[in-house]
Amino acid sequence: MNLVYTLGFTERDTDTIAEALSKKGANVIRVDENPFERITSLGKSAVVFLCIDSKEDIRLLKRLKTEVPEHFYAVGLPLDNRKVAFSVMMIDDIIPFFIPALEEEIVKVFSRIRENLKLISAESRIFGGLKVSKMHFEWKTSDIAVSGVCRYLAKLLRNSGIYSSITEEENAALALEEALVNSIEHGNLELDSSLRPKDILEEDRYEILKEERLKDERFASRKIHIDLCIDGEGASLSIKDEGPGFDTSLVKDYLEHDSVDKEEVMDVSGKGFTLIKRAFDRIEYNDNGTVITLTKRRN
């Protein structure tokens, strides 16, 4: 990465960053106008140095990470504003440093970014020439770490070439979490989606019932099974629960024809399919609704 973009720094700090990175073969481009539009319009992963000194700056960083999470973000934090600095440190996947900028620290930050880039490239090369890979995973309902499992599977799909960007990988992780939570809560735990109304107090009751069933071996000991197959055509991932299932006829009509009212579908399945459809090409249920299969063709 030979281009680095800086946002919000003083001239002194910008000059320090530019001088430090020039010794590493990188050129610094200072963005003074329309920073959000400029950075989100970049066609590929980029290195962005961003100065954070206010709540508005934090909001800009969060917007950028949402829209273009594939960029590498190095964040300059004020030594005299602990509240802002602490808030930024809670944001995932950034590399912080303090301002005023010091040349030796900027060099270390950039070296760390390059190491991360090398790691990503190395992970991708592992799967070069892959013909077929099949994996089976199985957990007790009470033991599975849903978010971690979904992030791992999405990263595996990206490294295998199914997805080509971090944005697609994150969309896949969200889609998998949607499907997996549905199988756990409405499958193995037999929680009816009608128990989750808009009222906050009723929402609390839903969560209390969920916790009770996670402690009840009749529900908690049920297994979640995930089967993943990756080949030259794409990937297929099936999630199987051990619940009683549900009437899939309405869901199947919606998935195949997209002509059924979405609110009705949510009442039947407990979850919408918007996130899943964003990341996968096809969604299928088995006859009794205990297995959902997601497929994605290679780009």
Protein backbone atom coordinates (compact mmCIF):
# COMPACT_ATOMS: atom_id res chain seq x y z
CA MET A 1 0.00 0.00 0.00
CA ASN A 2 1.81 3.10 -1.25
CA LEU A 3 -0.95 5.66 -0.64
CA VAL A 4 -2.00 6.87 2.80
CA TYR A 5 -4.90 9.26 3.40
CA THR A 6 -4.94 11.64 6.37
CA LEU A 7 -8.01 13.37 7.81
CA GLY A 8 -8.24 16.10 10.44
CA PHE A 9 -4.59 16.47 11.47
CA THR A 10 -2.77 19.77 11.94
CA GLU A 11 -0.16 20.70 9.36
CA ARG A 12 2.56 19.77 11.82
CA ASP A 13 1.18 16.30 12.44
CA THR A 14 0.49 15.78 8.74
CA ASP A 15 4.09 16.71 7.92
CA THR A 16 5.36 14.31 10.61
CA ILE A 17 3.23 11.46 9.21
CA ALA A 18 4.29 12.25 5.63
CA GLU A 19 7.98 12.36 6.51
CA ALA A 20 7.84 9.13 8.49
CA LEU A 21 5.94 7.23 5.80
CA SER A 22 8.02 8.55 2.92
CA LYS A 23 10.93 6.57 4.39
CA LYS A 24 8.72 3.46 4.06
CA GLY A 25 7.93 4.18 0.42
CA ALA A 26 4.44 5.58 1.00
CA ASN A 27 2.90 8.84 -0.18
CA VAL A 28 0.50 10.82 2.01
CA ILE A 29 -2.63 12.44 0.56
CA ARG A 30 -4.29 14.98 2.83
CA VAL A 31 -8.10 15.03 2.65
CA ASP A 32 -9.52 18.40 3.71
CA GLU A 33 -12.95 18.48 2.04
CA ASN A 34 -15.78 15.93 2.05
CA PRO A 35 -13.75 13.31 3.94
CA PHE A 36 -16.57 10.75 4.18
CA GLU A 37 -17.38 10.89 0.48
CA ARG A 38 -13.70 10.84 -0.49
CA ILE A 39 -12.74 7.83 1.60
CA THR A 40 -15.86 5.78 0.82
CA SER A 41 -15.30 6.34 -2.91
CA LEU A 42 -11.90 4.65 -2.92
CA GLY A 43 -12.07 1.53 -5.06
CA LYS A 44 -10.01 -0.82 -2.87
CA SER A 45 -8.58 -1.24 0.62
CA ALA A 46 -6.69 1.84 1.77
CA VAL A 47 -4.73 3.10 4.76
CA VAL A 48 -6.51 5.96 6.52
CA PHE A 49 -4.92 8.07 9.28
CA LEU A 50 -7.69 9.90 11.13
CA CYS A 51 -7.37 12.46 13.93
CA ILE A 52 -10.07 12.08 16.61
CA ASP A 53 -10.67 15.06 18.88
CA SER A 54 -14.46 15.25 19.30
CA LYS A 55 -17.71 13.29 19.27
CA GLU A 56 -18.22 14.36 15.65
CA ASP A 57 -14.88 12.75 14.75
CA ILE A 58 -15.94 9.54 16.50
CA ARG A 59 -19.18 9.50 14.51
CA LEU A 60 -17.19 9.94 11.30
CA LEU A 61 -14.93 7.01 12.20
CA LYS A 62 -17.90 4.77 12.96
CA ARG A 63 -19.59 5.73 9.67
CA LEU A 64 -16.41 4.99 7.73
CA LYS A 65 -15.94 1.63 9.43
CA THR A 66 -19.55 0.73 8.65
CA GLU A 67 -19.37 1.74 4.99
CA VAL A 68 -15.79 0.67 4.20
CA PRO A 69 -14.59 -1.77 6.89
CA GLU A 70 -11.98 -3.13 4.45
CA HIS A 71 -9.82 -0.01 4.97
CA PHE A 72 -7.06 0.03 7.61
CA TYR A 73 -7.66 2.78 10.18
CA ALA A 74 -4.84 4.37 12.20
CA VAL A 75 -6.35 6.77 14.72
CA GLY A 76 -4.61 9.72 16.36
CA LEU A 77 -5.88 10.28 19.91
CA PRO A 78 -5.50 13.44 22.03
CA LEU A 79 -3.41 13.10 25.16
CA ASP A 80 -5.50 15.77 26.91
CA ASN A 81 -8.95 14.28 26.24
CA ARG A 82 -9.24 10.98 28.08
CA LYS A 83 -13.01 10.69 27.48
CA VAL A 84 -12.64 10.83 23.69
CA ALA A 85 -9.57 8.59 23.74
CA PHE A 86 -11.33 5.95 25.85
CA SER A 87 -14.41 5.96 23.59
CA VAL A 88 -12.26 5.40 20.52
CA MET A 89 -10.27 2.60 22.17
CA MET A 90 -13.55 0.65 22.49
CA ILE A 91 -13.92 0.52 18.69
CA ASP A 92 -12.72 -2.74 17.10
CA ASP A 93 -10.04 -3.08 14.44
CA ILE A 94 -8.28 0.27 14.73
CA ILE A 95 -4.63 1.03 15.42
CA PRO A 96 -4.34 3.94 17.88
CA PHE A 97 -1.49 6.36 18.50
CA PHE A 98 -1.24 9.64 20.40
CA ILE A 99 -0.94 13.15 19.03
CA PRO A 100 1.11 15.27 18.65
CA ALA A 101 2.49 12.59 16.34
CA LEU A 102 5.99 11.20 16.83
CA GLU A 103 7.84 9.85 13.81
CA GLU A 104 8.97 6.62 15.46
CA GLU A 105 5.40 5.84 16.55
CA ILE A 106 4.01 6.49 13.06
CA VAL A 107 6.58 4.09 11.61
CA LYS A 108 5.51 1.39 14.09
CA VAL A 109 1.82 1.94 13.28
CA PHE A 110 2.46 1.63 9.54
CA SER A 111 4.60 -1.48 10.04
CA ARG A 112 1.77 -3.08 11.99
CA ILE A 113 -0.67 -2.30 9.19
CA ARG A 114 1.66 -3.93 6.66
CA GLU A 115 1.98 -7.00 8.86
CA ASN A 116 -1.80 -7.28 9.05
CA LEU A 117 -1.98 -7.02 5.26
CA LYS A 118 0.63 -9.76 4.86
CA LEU A 119 -1.33 -11.97 7.25
CA ILE A 120 -4.53 -11.51 5.24
CA SER A 121 -2.68 -12.32 2.00
CA ALA A 122 -1.09 -15.41 3.55
CA GLU A 123 -4.46 -16.68 4.79
CA SER A 124 -5.90 -16.27 1.29
CA ARG A 125 -3.03 -18.17 -0.35
CA ILE A 126 -3.64 -21.19 1.89
CA PHE A 127 -6.83 -21.88 -0.04
CA GLY A 128 -5.39 -21.33 -3.51
CA GLY A 129 -6.34 -24.20 -5.83
CA LEU A 130 -8.84 -25.66 -3.34
CA LYS A 131 -11.03 -28.31 -5.01
CA VAL A 132 -13.36 -29.31 -2.20
CA SER A 133 -13.53 -28.98 1.57
CA LYS A 134 -16.16 -30.42 3.90
CA MET A 135 -16.49 -29.67 7.60
CA HIS A 136 -18.92 -30.64 10.33
CA PHE A 137 -19.39 -28.70 13.57
CA GLU A 138 -21.54 -29.61 16.56
CA TRP A 139 -22.32 -27.86 19.85
CA LYS A 140 -24.71 -28.15 22.76
CA THR A 141 -27.17 -25.29 22.64
CA SER A 142 -25.93 -23.97 25.98
CA ASP A 143 -22.28 -23.99 24.86
CA ILE A 144 -22.18 -22.34 21.43
CA ALA A 145 -20.62 -18.85 21.14
CA VAL A 146 -22.81 -17.58 18.33
CA SER A 147 -20.99 -14.42 17.24
CA GLY A 148 -17.55 -16.02 17.35
CA VAL A 149 -18.70 -19.05 15.37
CA CYS A 150 -20.32 -16.88 12.69
CA ARG A 151 -17.28 -14.61 12.35
CA TYR A 152 -15.03 -17.67 12.02
CA LEU A 153 -17.20 -19.24 9.31
CA ALA A 154 -17.51 -15.95 7.39
CA LYS A 155 -13.75 -15.45 7.47
CA LEU A 156 -13.25 -19.01 6.25
CA LEU A 157 -15.61 -18.32 3.35
CA ARG A 158 -13.72 -15.17 2.43
CA ASN A 159 -10.31 -16.85 2.65
CA SER A 160 -11.66 -19.60 0.38
CA GLY A 161 -12.54 -17.01 -2.25
CA ILE A 162 -16.32 -17.11 -1.79
CA TYR A 163 -16.31 -13.46 -0.77
CA SER A 164 -13.87 -10.88 -2.07
CA SER A 165 -14.00 -8.10 0.51
CA ILE A 166 -14.21 -7.52 4.25
CA THR A 167 -17.62 -5.89 3.73
CA GLU A 168 -18.98 -9.09 2.17
CA GLU A 169 -17.39 -11.12 4.96
CA GLU A 170 -19.10 -9.00 7.62
CA ASN A 171 -22.44 -9.24 5.80
CA ALA A 172 -22.01 -13.03 5.76
CA ALA A 173 -21.26 -13.07 9.50
CA LEU A 174 -24.44 -11.09 10.19
CA ALA A 175 -26.47 -13.39 7.92
CA LEU A 176 -25.11 -16.51 9.61
CA GLU A 177 -25.86 -15.07 13.04
CA GLU A 178 -29.44 -14.36 11.94
CA ALA A 179 -29.90 -17.96 10.80
CA LEU A 180 -28.09 -19.51 13.76
CA VAL A 181 -29.95 -17.49 16.40
CA ASN A 182 -33.20 -18.49 14.70
CA SER A 183 -32.28 -22.19 14.91
CA ILE A 184 -31.27 -21.88 18.55
CA GLU A 185 -34.11 -19.76 19.89
CA HIS A 186 -37.04 -20.92 17.77
CA GLY A 187 -35.73 -24.42 17.16
CA ASN A 188 -33.91 -25.93 20.13
CA LEU A 189 -35.30 -23.57 22.79
CA GLU A 190 -38.81 -23.55 21.26
CA LEU A 191 -39.28 -19.85 21.88
CA ASP A 192 -42.29 -18.58 19.94
CA SER A 193 -41.58 -15.36 18.04
CA SER A 194 -44.98 -14.06 19.15
CA LEU A 195 -43.52 -13.86 22.67
CA ARG A 196 -41.25 -11.07 21.45
CA PRO A 197 -43.56 -8.05 21.01
CA LYS A 198 -42.45 -4.43 20.78
CA ASP A 199 -43.18 -3.70 24.44
CA ILE A 200 -39.92 -3.50 26.44
CA LEU A 201 -41.35 -5.35 29.45
CA GLU A 202 -42.48 -8.21 27.24
CA GLU A 203 -39.01 -8.26 25.68
CA ASP A 204 -37.57 -8.74 29.16
CA ARG A 205 -39.91 -11.68 29.72
CA TYR A 206 -38.72 -13.24 26.46
CA GLU A 207 -35.09 -12.96 27.58
CA ILE A 208 -35.93 -14.38 31.01
CA LEU A 209 -37.62 -17.38 29.40
CA LYS A 210 -34.65 -17.81 27.11
CA GLU A 211 -32.25 -17.90 30.07
CA GLU A 212 -34.47 -20.38 31.89
CA ARG A 213 -34.47 -22.76 28.95
CA LEU A 214 -30.71 -22.46 28.51
CA LYS A 215 -30.45 -23.84 32.06
CA ASP A 216 -33.02 -26.57 31.45
CA GLU A 217 -31.29 -29.72 30.16
CA ARG A 218 -34.35 -30.70 28.14
CA PHE A 219 -33.59 -27.74 25.88
CA ALA A 220 -29.94 -26.89 26.61
CA SER A 221 -28.64 -30.37 25.79
CA ARG A 222 -30.06 -30.29 22.28
CA LYS A 223 -27.38 -29.99 19.61
CA ILE A 224 -26.76 -27.47 16.87
CA HIS A 225 -25.14 -29.04 13.80
CA ILE A 226 -23.39 -27.03 11.07
CA ASP A 227 -22.18 -28.62 7.82
CA LEU A 228 -20.03 -26.58 5.44
CA CYS A 229 -19.00 -27.59 1.93
CA ILE A 230 -16.74 -25.40 -0.24
CA ASP A 231 -15.82 -26.35 -3.81
CA GLY A 232 -15.06 -24.80 -7.16
CA GLU A 233 -18.65 -23.66 -7.68
CA GLY A 234 -19.19 -21.98 -4.33
CA ALA A 235 -20.24 -22.85 -0.79
CA SER A 236 -23.14 -24.55 0.93
CA LEU A 237 -23.75 -24.22 4.67
CA SER A 238 -26.49 -26.09 6.57
CA ILE A 239 -27.62 -25.39 10.13
CA LYS A 240 -29.62 -28.15 11.80
CA ASP A 241 -31.42 -27.89 15.12
CA GLU A 242 -33.13 -30.62 17.18
CA GLY A 243 -36.36 -28.75 17.81
CA PRO A 244 -39.86 -29.77 16.68
CA GLY A 245 -39.67 -27.74 13.45
CA PHE A 246 -42.39 -25.55 11.96
CA ASP A 247 -44.67 -25.25 8.94
CA THR A 248 -42.31 -24.14 6.19
CA SER A 249 -44.87 -23.77 3.39
CA LEU A 250 -45.27 -20.00 3.72
CA VAL A 251 -41.53 -19.47 4.10
CA LYS A 252 -40.78 -21.60 1.05
CA ASP A 253 -43.25 -19.64 -1.06
CA TYR A 254 -41.60 -16.40 0.00
CA LEU A 255 -38.07 -17.66 -0.62
CA GLU A 256 -38.92 -19.08 -4.03
CA HIS A 257 -41.33 -16.44 -5.34
CA ASP A 258 -40.77 -13.36 -3.14
CA SER A 259 -44.52 -12.77 -3.31
CA VAL A 260 -45.56 -13.36 0.29
CA ASP A 261 -45.96 -10.57 2.83
CA LYS A 262 -42.68 -10.24 4.76
CA GLU A 263 -44.41 -9.59 8.07
CA GLU A 264 -46.30 -12.88 7.75
CA VAL A 265 -43.05 -14.68 7.08
CA MET A 266 -41.47 -13.16 10.17
CA ASP A 267 -44.43 -14.36 12.22
CA VAL A 268 -43.88 -17.89 10.93
CA SER A 269 -40.11 -18.17 11.14
CA GLY A 270 -39.39 -15.66 13.89
CA LYS A 271 -36.79 -13.89 11.75
CA GLY A 272 -36.72 -11.90 8.54
CA PHE A 273 -34.50 -12.89 5.65
CA THR A 274 -33.19 -9.50 4.55
CA LEU A 275 -29.72 -9.95 6.03
CA ILE A 276 -29.43 -13.52 4.78
CA LYS A 277 -30.47 -12.62 1.24
CA ARG A 278 -27.84 -9.88 1.20
CA ALA A 279 -25.03 -12.40 1.69
CA PHE A 280 -26.30 -15.65 0.14
CA ASP A 281 -27.80 -16.54 -3.23
CA ARG A 282 -30.25 -19.19 -2.05
CA ILE A 283 -32.04 -20.10 1.20
CA GLU A 284 -33.74 -23.47 1.61
CA TYR A 285 -35.49 -25.33 4.45
CA ASN A 286 -36.03 -29.06 4.73
CA ASP A 287 -39.64 -30.27 4.93
CA ASN A 288 -40.10 -29.91 8.70
CA GLY A 289 -38.04 -26.74 9.15
CA THR A 290 -35.22 -28.16 11.26
CA VAL A 291 -32.51 -27.54 8.64
CA ILE A 292 -31.77 -24.27 6.84
CA THR A 293 -29.29 -24.41 3.95
CA LEU A 294 -27.55 -21.32 2.60
CA THR A 295 -25.68 -21.38 -0.69
CA LYS A 296 -23.36 -18.83 -2.31
CA ARG A 297 -21.88 -19.01 -5.79
CA ARG A 298 -18.33 -17.80 -6.33
CA ASN A 299 -18.10 -14.20 -7.51
